[in-house]
Amino acid sequence: TLGAIRTVRVFGAEDRELDRYAFELDQVSQLKRTMALTAGAFYSTLHLGINLITLVICGYGGLLVSNGELTRGGIAAVVTQVQILERSMARLSVVSAQLVKA
């Protein structure tokens, strides 16, 4: 507030308060940067894992389809369920990130 600014100036602590404010601003900036890097690593790992699972399912499912042990519709259903699971996991990770911010 303006009253607080006047009080700081009267006691000659303006430079000290500016230094303290700059320090706190740097701390918040570092925390935000760390949070962004952590969230990016988490989301990347999550999506990479789900995509690798989908790749393995398609590869193994293709083998089963070629051997006649599984139908094409069956493998399509499994891949669809994995994609639904991926979307659910992504939404949960967004919610958890918002809880961390709060």
PDB file of N, CA and C in Angstrom:
ATOM      1  N   THR A   1       0.835  -1.182   0.000  1.00  0.00           N
ATOM      2  CA  THR A   1       0.000   0.000   0.000  1.00  0.00           C
ATOM      3  C   THR A   1       0.877   1.240   0.000  1.00  0.00           C
ATOM      4  N   LEU A   2       0.258   2.349  -0.274  1.00  0.00           N
ATOM      5  CA  LEU A   2       1.028   3.602  -0.298  1.00  0.00           C
ATOM      6  C   LEU A   2       1.543   3.985   1.081  1.00  0.00           C
ATOM      7  N   GLY A   3       0.764   3.688   2.100  1.00  0.00           N
ATOM      8  CA  GLY A   3       1.210   3.983   3.458  1.00  0.00           C
ATOM      9  C   GLY A   3       2.452   3.195   3.824  1.00  0.00           C
ATOM     10  N   ALA A   4       2.507   1.943   3.410  1.00  0.00           N
ATOM     11  CA  ALA A   4       3.672   1.108   3.696  1.00  0.00           C
ATOM     12  C   ALA A   4       4.899   1.619   2.960  1.00  0.00           C
ATOM     13  N   ILE A   5       4.711   2.109   1.736  1.00  0.00           N
ATOM     14  CA  ILE A   5       5.844   2.657   0.972  1.00  0.00           C
ATOM     15  C   ILE A   5       6.392   3.891   1.668  1.00  0.00           C
ATOM     16  N   ARG A   6       5.516   4.748   2.151  1.00  0.00           N
ATOM     17  CA  ARG A   6       5.973   5.953   2.871  1.00  0.00           C
ATOM     18  C   ARG A   6       6.731   5.576   4.134  1.00  0.00           C
ATOM     19  N   THR A   7       6.253   4.587   4.861  1.00  0.00           N
ATOM     20  CA  THR A   7       6.914   4.155   6.091  1.00  0.00           C
ATOM     21  C   THR A   7       8.315   3.633   5.799  1.00  0.00           C
ATOM     22  N   VAL A   8       8.462   2.844   4.736  1.00  0.00           N
ATOM     23  CA  VAL A   8       9.771   2.312   4.362  1.00  0.00           C
ATOM     24  C   VAL A   8      10.714   3.450   4.010  1.00  0.00           C
ATOM     25  N   ARG A   9      10.215   4.436   3.268  1.00  0.00           N
ATOM     26  CA  ARG A   9      11.075   5.562   2.881  1.00  0.00           C
ATOM     27  C   ARG A   9      11.489   6.393   4.087  1.00  0.00           C
ATOM     28  N   VAL A  10      10.582   6.594   5.032  1.00  0.00           N
ATOM     29  CA  VAL A  10      10.890   7.394   6.213  1.00  0.00           C
ATOM     30  C   VAL A  10      12.032   6.770   7.003  1.00  0.00           C
ATOM     31  N   PHE A  11      12.035   5.463   7.126  1.00  0.00           N
ATOM     32  CA  PHE A  11      13.069   4.807   7.910  1.00  0.00           C
ATOM     33  C   PHE A  11      14.318   4.484   7.084  1.00  0.00           C
ATOM     34  N   GLY A  12      14.349   4.908   5.838  1.00  0.00           N
ATOM     35  CA  GLY A  12      15.535   4.746   5.006  1.00  0.00           C
ATOM     36  C   GLY A  12      15.837   3.308   4.618  1.00  0.00           C
ATOM     37  N   ALA A  13      14.824   2.469   4.572  1.00  0.00           N
ATOM     38  CA  ALA A  13      15.035   1.056   4.274  1.00  0.00           C
ATOM     39  C   ALA A  13      14.612   0.704   2.852  1.00  0.00           C
ATOM     40  N   GLU A  14      14.521   1.700   2.002  1.00  0.00           N
ATOM     41  CA  GLU A  14      14.037   1.451   0.648  1.00  0.00           C
ATOM     42  C   GLU A  14      14.950   0.497  -0.118  1.00  0.00           C
ATOM     43  N   ASP A  15      16.252   0.716  -0.034  1.00  0.00           N
ATOM     44  CA  ASP A  15      17.185  -0.151  -0.753  1.00  0.00           C
ATOM     45  C   ASP A  15      17.128  -1.581  -0.229  1.00  0.00           C
ATOM     46  N   ARG A  16      17.040  -1.723   1.090  1.00  0.00           N
ATOM     47  CA  ARG A  16      16.960  -3.059   1.680  1.00  0.00           C
ATOM     48  C   ARG A  16      15.675  -3.776   1.251  1.00  0.00           C
ATOM     49  N   GLU A  17      14.570  -3.046   1.212  1.00  0.00           N
ATOM     50  CA  GLU A  17      13.299  -3.646   0.791  1.00  0.00           C
ATOM     51  C   GLU A  17      13.331  -4.020  -0.692  1.00  0.00           C
ATOM     52  N   LEU A  18      13.975  -3.200  -1.509  1.00  0.00           N
ATOM     53  CA  LEU A  18      14.110  -3.530  -2.931  1.00  0.00           C
ATOM     54  C   LEU A  18      14.946  -4.799  -3.109  1.00  0.00           C
ATOM     55  N   ASP A  19      16.020  -4.919  -2.331  1.00  0.00           N
ATOM     56  CA  ASP A  19      16.844  -6.125  -2.396  1.00  0.00           C
ATOM     57  C   ASP A  19      16.068  -7.356  -1.946  1.00  0.00           C
ATOM     58  N   ARG A  20      15.298  -7.200  -0.873  1.00  0.00           N
ATOM     59  CA  ARG A  20      14.493  -8.322  -0.379  1.00  0.00           C
ATOM     60  C   ARG A  20      13.436  -8.732  -1.397  1.00  0.00           C
ATOM     61  N   TYR A  21      12.814  -7.743  -2.020  1.00  0.00           N
ATOM     62  CA  TYR A  21      11.804  -8.032  -3.040  1.00  0.00           C
ATOM     63  C   TYR A  21      12.428  -8.742  -4.239  1.00  0.00           C
ATOM     64  N   ALA A  22      13.601  -8.292  -4.677  1.00  0.00           N
ATOM     65  CA  ALA A  22      14.293  -8.923  -5.808  1.00  0.00           C
ATOM     66  C   ALA A  22      14.665 -10.363  -5.472  1.00  0.00           C
ATOM     67  N   PHE A  23      15.112 -10.588  -4.230  1.00  0.00           N
ATOM     68  CA  PHE A  23      15.464 -11.946  -3.805  1.00  0.00           C
ATOM     69  C   PHE A  23      14.238 -12.858  -3.834  1.00  0.00           C
ATOM     70  N   GLU A  24      13.139 -12.395  -3.285  1.00  0.00           N
ATOM     71  CA  GLU A  24      11.907 -13.201  -3.274  1.00  0.00           C
ATOM     72  C   GLU A  24      11.401 -13.461  -4.690  1.00  0.00           C
ATOM     73  N   LEU A  25      11.532 -12.474  -5.551  1.00  0.00           N
ATOM     74  CA  LEU A  25      11.112 -12.633  -6.942  1.00  0.00           C
ATOM     75  C   LEU A  25      11.960 -13.697  -7.643  1.00  0.00           C
ATOM     76  N   ASP A  26      13.258 -13.710  -7.378  1.00  0.00           N
ATOM     77  CA  ASP A  26      14.140 -14.741  -7.932  1.00  0.00           C
ATOM     78  C   ASP A  26      13.761 -16.132  -7.415  1.00  0.00           C
ATOM     79  N   GLN A  27      13.420 -16.209  -6.131  1.00  0.00           N
ATOM     80  CA  GLN A  27      13.030 -17.499  -5.555  1.00  0.00           C
ATOM     81  C   GLN A  27      11.775 -18.041  -6.244  1.00  0.00           C
ATOM     82  N   VAL A  28      10.779 -17.185  -6.425  1.00  0.00           N
ATOM     83  CA  VAL A  28       9.538 -17.603  -7.076  1.00  0.00           C
ATOM     84  C   VAL A  28       9.807 -18.008  -8.522  1.00  0.00           C
ATOM     85  N   SER A  29      10.671 -17.263  -9.192  1.00  0.00           N
ATOM     86  CA  SER A  29      11.008 -17.587 -10.577  1.00  0.00           C
ATOM     87  C   SER A  29      11.673 -18.957 -10.669  1.00  0.00           C
ATOM     88  N   GLN A  30      12.583 -19.251  -9.753  1.00  0.00           N
ATOM     89  CA  GLN A  30      13.246 -20.556  -9.751  1.00  0.00           C
ATOM     90  C   GLN A  30      12.257 -21.688  -9.462  1.00  0.00           C
ATOM     91  N   LEU A  31      11.335 -21.459  -8.536  1.00  0.00           N
ATOM     92  CA  LEU A  31      10.340 -22.476  -8.235  1.00  0.00           C
ATOM     93  C   LEU A  31       9.427 -22.739  -9.431  1.00  0.00           C
ATOM     94  N   LYS A  32       9.023 -21.680 -10.120  1.00  0.00           N
ATOM     95  CA  LYS A  32       8.180 -21.841 -11.303  1.00  0.00           C
ATOM     96  C   LYS A  32       8.917 -22.598 -12.402  1.00  0.00           C
ATOM     97  N   ARG A  33      10.188 -22.280 -12.584  1.00  0.00           N
ATOM     98  CA  ARG A  33      10.994 -22.957 -13.595  1.00  0.00           C
ATOM     99  C   ARG A  33      11.128 -24.446 -13.265  1.00  0.00           C
ATOM    100  N   THR A  34      11.388 -24.750 -11.999  1.00  0.00           N
ATOM    101  CA  THR A  34      11.501 -26.137 -11.566  1.00  0.00           C
ATOM    102  C   THR A  34      10.185 -26.876 -11.767  1.00  0.00           C
ATOM    103  N   MET A  35       9.074 -26.226 -11.428  1.00  0.00           N
ATOM    104  CA  MET A  35       7.768 -26.852 -11.602  1.00  0.00           C
ATOM    105  C   MET A  35       7.485 -27.113 -13.079  1.00  0.00           C
ATOM    106  N   ALA A  36       7.829 -26.179 -13.935  1.00  0.00           N
ATOM    107  CA  ALA A  36       7.594 -26.351 -15.370  1.00  0.00           C
ATOM    108  C   ALA A  36       8.435 -27.498 -15.935  1.00  0.00           C
ATOM    109  N   LEU A  37       9.693 -27.576 -15.534  1.00  0.00           N
ATOM    110  CA  LEU A  37      10.552 -28.661 -16.011  1.00  0.00           C
ATOM    111  C   LEU A  37      10.079 -30.019 -15.498  1.00  0.00           C
ATOM    112  N   THR A  38       9.660 -30.068 -14.250  1.00  0.00           N
ATOM    113  CA  THR A  38       9.165 -31.320 -13.684  1.00  0.00           C
ATOM    114  C   THR A  38       7.885 -31.765 -14.368  1.00  0.00           C
ATOM    115  N   ALA A  39       6.965 -30.827 -14.583  1.00  0.00           N
ATOM    116  CA  ALA A  39       5.709 -31.165 -15.257  1.00  0.00           C
ATOM    117  C   ALA A  39       5.977 -31.613 -16.690  1.00  0.00           C
ATOM    118  N   GLY A  40       6.884 -30.947 -17.380  1.00  0.00           N
ATOM    119  CA  GLY A  40       7.224 -31.339 -18.745  1.00  0.00           C
ATOM    120  C   GLY A  40       7.819 -32.737 -18.802  1.00  0.00           C
ATOM    121  N   ALA A  41       8.692 -33.045 -17.862  1.00  0.00           N
ATOM    122  CA  ALA A  41       9.290 -34.383 -17.823  1.00  0.00           C
ATOM    123  C   ALA A  41       8.234 -35.439 -17.508  1.00  0.00           C
ATOM    124  N   PHE A  42       7.334 -35.117 -16.584  1.00  0.00           N
ATOM    125  CA  PHE A  42       6.293 -36.069 -16.212  1.00  0.00           C
ATOM    126  C   PHE A  42       5.354 -36.345 -17.383  1.00  0.00           C
ATOM    127  N   TYR A  43       4.857 -35.284 -18.026  1.00  0.00           N
ATOM    128  CA  TYR A  43       3.935 -35.468 -19.146  1.00  0.00           C
ATOM    129  C   TYR A  43       4.614 -36.198 -20.302  1.00  0.00           C
ATOM    130  N   SER A  44       5.852 -35.855 -20.581  1.00  0.00           N
ATOM    131  CA  SER A  44       6.583 -36.521 -21.661  1.00  0.00           C
ATOM    132  C   SER A  44       6.744 -38.009 -21.375  1.00  0.00           C
ATOM    133  N   THR A  45       7.119 -38.335 -20.148  1.00  0.00           N
ATOM    134  CA  THR A  45       7.299 -39.733 -19.770  1.00  0.00           C
ATOM    135  C   THR A  45       5.978 -40.489 -19.820  1.00  0.00           C
ATOM    136  N   LEU A  46       4.926 -39.846 -19.348  1.00  0.00           N
ATOM    137  CA  LEU A  46       3.610 -40.477 -19.366  1.00  0.00           C
ATOM    138  C   LEU A  46       3.181 -40.811 -20.791  1.00  0.00           C
ATOM    139  N   HIS A  47       3.279 -39.833 -21.681  1.00  0.00           N
ATOM    140  CA  HIS A  47       2.845 -40.058 -23.059  1.00  0.00           C
ATOM    141  C   HIS A  47       3.772 -41.033 -23.794  1.00  0.00           C
ATOM    142  N   LEU A  48       5.052 -40.959 -23.523  1.00  0.00           N
ATOM    143  CA  LEU A  48       5.971 -41.913 -24.130  1.00  0.00           C
ATOM    144  C   LEU A  48       5.641 -43.339 -23.690  1.00  0.00           C
ATOM    145  N   GLY A  49       5.385 -43.516 -22.404  1.00  0.00           N
ATOM    146  CA  GLY A  49       5.034 -44.841 -21.902  1.00  0.00           C
ATOM    147  C   GLY A  49       3.760 -45.389 -22.526  1.00  0.00           C
ATOM    148  N   ILE A  50       2.737 -44.555 -22.599  1.00  0.00           N
ATOM    149  CA  ILE A  50       1.476 -44.997 -23.193  1.00  0.00           C
ATOM    150  C   ILE A  50       1.661 -45.318 -24.672  1.00  0.00           C
ATOM    151  N   ASN A  51       2.428 -44.498 -25.380  1.00  0.00           N
ATOM    152  CA  ASN A  51       2.665 -44.769 -26.803  1.00  0.00           C
ATOM    153  C   ASN A  51       3.482 -46.042 -27.011  1.00  0.00           C
ATOM    154  N   LEU A  52       4.429 -46.311 -26.118  1.00  0.00           N
ATOM    155  CA  LEU A  52       5.185 -47.558 -26.214  1.00  0.00           C
ATOM    156  C   LEU A  52       4.287 -48.771 -25.951  1.00  0.00           C
ATOM    157  N   ILE A  53       3.388 -48.628 -24.983  1.00  0.00           N
ATOM    158  CA  ILE A  53       2.432 -49.708 -24.723  1.00  0.00           C
ATOM    159  C   ILE A  53       1.564 -49.950 -25.949  1.00  0.00           C
ATOM    160  N   THR A  54       1.097 -48.869 -26.585  1.00  0.00           N
ATOM    161  CA  THR A  54       0.285 -49.004 -27.796  1.00  0.00           C
ATOM    162  C   THR A  54       1.084 -49.683 -28.904  1.00  0.00           C
ATOM    163  N   LEU A  55       2.350 -49.318 -29.051  1.00  0.00           N
ATOM    164  CA  LEU A  55       3.206 -49.927 -30.060  1.00  0.00           C
ATOM    165  C   LEU A  55       3.379 -51.425 -29.814  1.00  0.00           C
ATOM    166  N   VAL A  56       3.614 -51.802 -28.560  1.00  0.00           N
ATOM    167  CA  VAL A  56       3.774 -53.216 -28.222  1.00  0.00           C
ATOM    168  C   VAL A  56       2.473 -53.975 -28.485  1.00  0.00           C
ATOM    169  N   ILE A  57       1.353 -53.377 -28.100  1.00  0.00           N
ATOM    170  CA  ILE A  57       0.058 -54.027 -28.335  1.00  0.00           C
ATOM    171  C   ILE A  57      -0.185 -54.210 -29.826  1.00  0.00           C
ATOM    172  N   CYS A  58       0.108 -53.195 -30.619  1.00  0.00           N
ATOM    173  CA  CYS A  58      -0.083 -53.312 -32.069  1.00  0.00           C
ATOM    174  C   CYS A  58       0.846 -54.371 -32.668  1.00  0.00           C
ATOM    175  N   GLY A  59       2.083 -54.394 -32.222  1.00  0.00           N
ATOM    176  CA  GLY A  59       3.035 -55.383 -32.739  1.00  0.00           C
ATOM    177  C   GLY A  59       2.642 -56.798 -32.374  1.00  0.00           C
ATOM    178  N   TYR A  60       2.374 -57.010 -31.087  1.00  0.00           N
ATOM    179  CA  TYR A  60       1.991 -58.345 -30.639  1.00  0.00           C
ATOM    180  C   TYR A  60       0.616 -58.723 -31.195  1.00  0.00           C
ATOM    181  N   GLY A  61      -0.298 -57.750 -31.221  1.00  0.00           N
ATOM    182  CA  GLY A  61      -1.620 -58.006 -31.783  1.00  0.00           C
ATOM    183  C   GLY A  61      -1.545 -58.345 -33.263  1.00  0.00           C
ATOM    184  N   GLY A  62      -0.655 -57.679 -33.991  1.00  0.00           N
ATOM    185  CA  GLY A  62      -0.454 -58.000 -35.405  1.00  0.00           C
ATOM    186  C   GLY A  62       0.030 -59.422 -35.589  1.00  0.00           C
ATOM    187  N   LEU A  63       0.911 -59.846 -34.705  1.00  0.00           N
ATOM    188  CA  LEU A  63       1.401 -61.222 -34.747  1.00  0.00           C
ATOM    189  C   LEU A  63       0.264 -62.212 -34.489  1.00  0.00           C
ATOM    190  N   LEU A  64      -0.576 -61.895 -33.492  1.00  0.00           N
ATOM    191  CA  LEU A  64      -1.714 -62.767 -33.186  1.00  0.00           C
ATOM    192  C   LEU A  64      -2.731 -62.786 -34.328  1.00  0.00           C
ATOM    193  N   VAL A  65      -2.943 -61.634 -34.963  1.00  0.00           N
ATOM    194  CA  VAL A  65      -3.869 -61.573 -36.102  1.00  0.00           C
ATOM    195  C   VAL A  65      -3.321 -62.389 -37.261  1.00  0.00           C
ATOM    196  N   SER A  66      -2.013 -62.279 -37.522  1.00  0.00           N
ATOM    197  CA  SER A  66      -1.430 -63.034 -38.631  1.00  0.00           C
ATOM    198  C   SER A  66      -1.463 -64.551 -38.376  1.00  0.00           C
ATOM    199  N   ASN A  67      -1.442 -64.959 -37.104  1.00  0.00           N
ATOM    200  CA  ASN A  67      -1.541 -66.380 -36.758  1.00  0.00           C
ATOM    201  C   ASN A  67      -2.990 -66.851 -36.657  1.00  0.00           C
ATOM    202  N   GLY A  68      -3.927 -65.913 -36.784  1.00  0.00           N
ATOM    203  CA  GLY A  68      -5.337 -66.263 -36.712  1.00  0.00           C
ATOM    204  C   GLY A  68      -5.867 -66.441 -35.303  1.00  0.00           C
ATOM    205  N   GLU A  69      -5.109 -66.034 -34.292  1.00  0.00           N
ATOM    206  CA  GLU A  69      -5.543 -66.183 -32.902  1.00  0.00           C
ATOM    207  C   GLU A  69      -6.398 -65.010 -32.427  1.00  0.00           C
ATOM    208  N   LEU A  70      -6.380 -63.915 -33.163  1.00  0.00           N
ATOM    209  CA  LEU A  70      -7.119 -62.709 -32.776  1.00  0.00           C
ATOM    210  C   LEU A  70      -7.662 -62.063 -34.042  1.00  0.00           C
ATOM    211  N   THR A  71      -8.839 -61.465 -33.940  1.00  0.00           N
ATOM    212  CA  THR A  71      -9.414 -60.792 -35.104  1.00  0.00           C
ATOM    213  C   THR A  71      -8.926 -59.352 -35.165  1.00  0.00           C
ATOM    214  N   ARG A  72      -9.083 -58.741 -36.328  1.00  0.00           N
ATOM    215  CA  ARG A  72      -8.705 -57.331 -36.469  1.00  0.00           C
ATOM    216  C   ARG A  72      -9.560 -56.447 -35.581  1.00  0.00           C
ATOM    217  N   GLY A  73     -10.827 -56.792 -35.431  1.00  0.00           N
ATOM    218  CA  GLY A  73     -11.712 -56.031 -34.542  1.00  0.00           C
ATOM    219  C   GLY A  73     -11.281 -56.114 -33.095  1.00  0.00           C
ATOM    220  N   GLY A  74     -10.770 -57.269 -32.701  1.00  0.00           N
ATOM    221  CA  GLY A  74     -10.297 -57.440 -31.328  1.00  0.00           C
ATOM    222  C   GLY A  74      -9.110 -56.547 -31.018  1.00  0.00           C
ATOM    223  N   ILE A  75      -8.166 -56.488 -31.940  1.00  0.00           N
ATOM    224  CA  ILE A  75      -6.995 -55.627 -31.706  1.00  0.00           C
ATOM    225  C   ILE A  75      -7.385 -54.153 -31.745  1.00  0.00           C
ATOM    226  N   ALA A  76      -8.349 -53.801 -32.604  1.00  0.00           N
ATOM    227  CA  ALA A  76      -8.833 -52.413 -32.655  1.00  0.00           C
ATOM    228  C   ALA A  76      -9.495 -52.040 -31.341  1.00  0.00           C
ATOM    229  N   ALA A  77     -10.239 -52.962 -30.748  1.00  0.00           N
ATOM    230  CA  ALA A  77     -10.891 -52.697 -29.460  1.00  0.00           C
ATOM    231  C   ALA A  77      -9.863 -52.483 -28.356  1.00  0.00           C
ATOM    232  N   VAL A  78      -8.813 -53.291 -28.350  1.00  0.00           N
ATOM    233  CA  VAL A  78      -7.769 -53.162 -27.316  1.00  0.00           C
ATOM    234  C   VAL A  78      -7.052 -51.816 -27.457  1.00  0.00           C
ATOM    235  N   VAL A  79      -6.701 -51.440 -28.682  1.00  0.00           N
ATOM    236  CA  VAL A  79      -6.013 -50.166 -28.908  1.00  0.00           C
ATOM    237  C   VAL A  79      -6.914 -49.000 -28.500  1.00  0.00           C
ATOM    238  N   THR A  80      -8.192 -49.094 -28.795  1.00  0.00           N
ATOM    239  CA  THR A  80      -9.136 -48.038 -28.411  1.00  0.00           C
ATOM    240  C   THR A  80      -9.191 -47.908 -26.891  1.00  0.00           C
ATOM    241  N   GLN A  81      -9.224 -49.013 -26.179  1.00  0.00           N
ATOM    242  CA  GLN A  81      -9.251 -48.973 -24.718  1.00  0.00           C
ATOM    243  C   GLN A  81      -7.962 -48.360 -24.152  1.00  0.00           C
ATOM    244  N   VAL A  82      -6.838 -48.660 -24.766  1.00  0.00           N
ATOM    245  CA  VAL A  82      -5.568 -48.078 -24.313  1.00  0.00           C
ATOM    246  C   VAL A  82      -5.583 -46.566 -24.516  1.00  0.00           C
ATOM    247  N   GLN A  83      -6.136 -46.099 -25.626  1.00  0.00           N
ATOM    248  CA  GLN A  83      -6.205 -44.660 -25.873  1.00  0.00           C
ATOM    249  C   GLN A  83      -7.146 -43.972 -24.892  1.00  0.00           C
ATOM    250  N   ILE A  84      -8.233 -44.636 -24.531  1.00  0.00           N
ATOM    251  CA  ILE A  84      -9.136 -44.086 -23.507  1.00  0.00           C
ATOM    252  C   ILE A  84      -8.400 -43.987 -22.174  1.00  0.00           C
ATOM    253  N   LEU A  85      -7.627 -45.003 -21.849  1.00  0.00           N
ATOM    254  CA  LEU A  85      -6.819 -44.994 -20.626  1.00  0.00           C
ATOM    255  C   LEU A  85      -5.802 -43.856 -20.664  1.00  0.00           C
ATOM    256  N   GLU A  86      -5.193 -43.622 -21.819  1.00  0.00           N
ATOM    257  CA  GLU A  86      -4.212 -42.542 -21.957  1.00  0.00           C
ATOM    258  C   GLU A  86      -4.859 -41.192 -21.680  1.00  0.00           C
ATOM    259  N   ARG A  87      -6.030 -40.954 -22.247  1.00  0.00           N
ATOM    260  CA  ARG A  87      -6.712 -39.680 -22.014  1.00  0.00           C
ATOM    261  C   ARG A  87      -7.057 -39.498 -20.543  1.00  0.00           C
ATOM    262  N   SER A  88      -7.494 -40.564 -19.894  1.00  0.00           N
ATOM    263  CA  SER A  88      -7.828 -40.485 -18.471  1.00  0.00           C
ATOM    264  C   SER A  88      -6.595 -40.170 -17.636  1.00  0.00           C
ATOM    265  N   MET A  89      -5.479 -40.816 -17.943  1.00  0.00           N
ATOM    266  CA  MET A  89      -4.235 -40.550 -17.218  1.00  0.00           C
ATOM    267  C   MET A  89      -3.776 -39.113 -17.427  1.00  0.00           C
ATOM    268  N   ALA A  90      -3.910 -38.611 -18.639  1.00  0.00           N
ATOM    269  CA  ALA A  90      -3.510 -37.231 -18.924  1.00  0.00           C
ATOM    270  C   ALA A  90      -4.368 -36.250 -18.130  1.00  0.00           C
ATOM    271  N   ARG A  91      -5.661 -36.509 -18.053  1.00  0.00           N
ATOM    272  CA  ARG A  91      -6.540 -35.624 -17.278  1.00  0.00           C
ATOM    273  C   ARG A  91      -6.194 -35.666 -15.794  1.00  0.00           C
ATOM    274  N   LEU A  92      -5.913 -36.858 -15.285  1.00  0.00           N
ATOM    275  CA  LEU A  92      -5.523 -36.965 -13.878  1.00  0.00           C
ATOM    276  C   LEU A  92      -4.214 -36.231 -13.599  1.00  0.00           C
ATOM    277  N   SER A  93      -3.292 -36.287 -14.532  1.00  0.00           N
ATOM    278  CA  SER A  93      -2.024 -35.596 -14.318  1.00  0.00           C
ATOM    279  C   SER A  93      -2.210 -34.086 -14.345  1.00  0.00           C
ATOM    280  N   VAL A  94      -3.129 -33.592 -15.180  1.00  0.00           N
ATOM    281  CA  VAL A  94      -3.418 -32.144 -15.204  1.00  0.00           C
ATOM    282  C   VAL A  94      -4.036 -31.716 -13.889  1.00  0.00           C
ATOM    283  N   VAL A  95      -4.960 -32.512 -13.372  1.00  0.00           N
ATOM    284  CA  VAL A  95      -5.603 -32.189 -12.091  1.00  0.00           C
ATOM    285  C   VAL A  95      -4.568 -32.192 -10.975  1.00  0.00           C
ATOM    286  N   SER A  96      -3.683 -33.182 -10.962  1.00  0.00           N
ATOM    287  CA  SER A  96      -2.665 -33.229  -9.913  1.00  0.00           C
ATOM    288  C   SER A  96      -1.707 -32.041 -10.000  1.00  0.00           C
ATOM    289  N   ALA A  97      -1.390 -31.614 -11.203  1.00  0.00           N
ATOM    290  CA  ALA A  97      -0.524 -30.440 -11.366  1.00  0.00           C
ATOM    291  C   ALA A  97      -1.213 -29.187 -10.854  1.00  0.00           C
ATOM    292  N   GLN A  98      -2.523 -29.074 -11.073  1.00  0.00           N
ATOM    293  CA  GLN A  98      -3.255 -27.914 -10.569  1.00  0.00           C
ATOM    294  C   GLN A  98      -3.331 -27.934  -9.047  1.00  0.00           C
ATOM    295  N   LEU A  99      -3.428 -29.128  -8.452  1.00  0.00           N
ATOM    296  CA  LEU A  99      -3.424 -29.220  -6.994  1.00  0.00           C
ATOM    297  C   LEU A  99      -2.075 -28.799  -6.430  1.00  0.00           C
ATOM    298  N   VAL A 100      -0.988 -29.146  -7.112  1.00  0.00           N
ATOM    299  CA  VAL A 100       0.337 -28.750  -6.651  1.00  0.00           C
ATOM    300  C   VAL A 100       0.472 -27.228  -6.714  1.00  0.00           C
ATOM    301  N   LYS A 101      -0.057 -26.616  -7.763  1.00  0.00           N
ATOM    302  CA  LYS A 101       0.014 -25.151  -7.881  1.00  0.00           C
ATOM    303  C   LYS A 101      -0.757 -24.469  -6.779  1.00  0.00           C
ATOM    304  N   ALA A 102      -1.889 -25.074  -6.384  1.00  0.00           N
ATOM    305  CA  ALA A 102      -2.717 -24.472  -5.328  1.00  0.00           C
ATOM    306  C   ALA A 102      -1.992 -24.554  -4.018  1.00  0.00           C
TER     307      ALA A 102
END
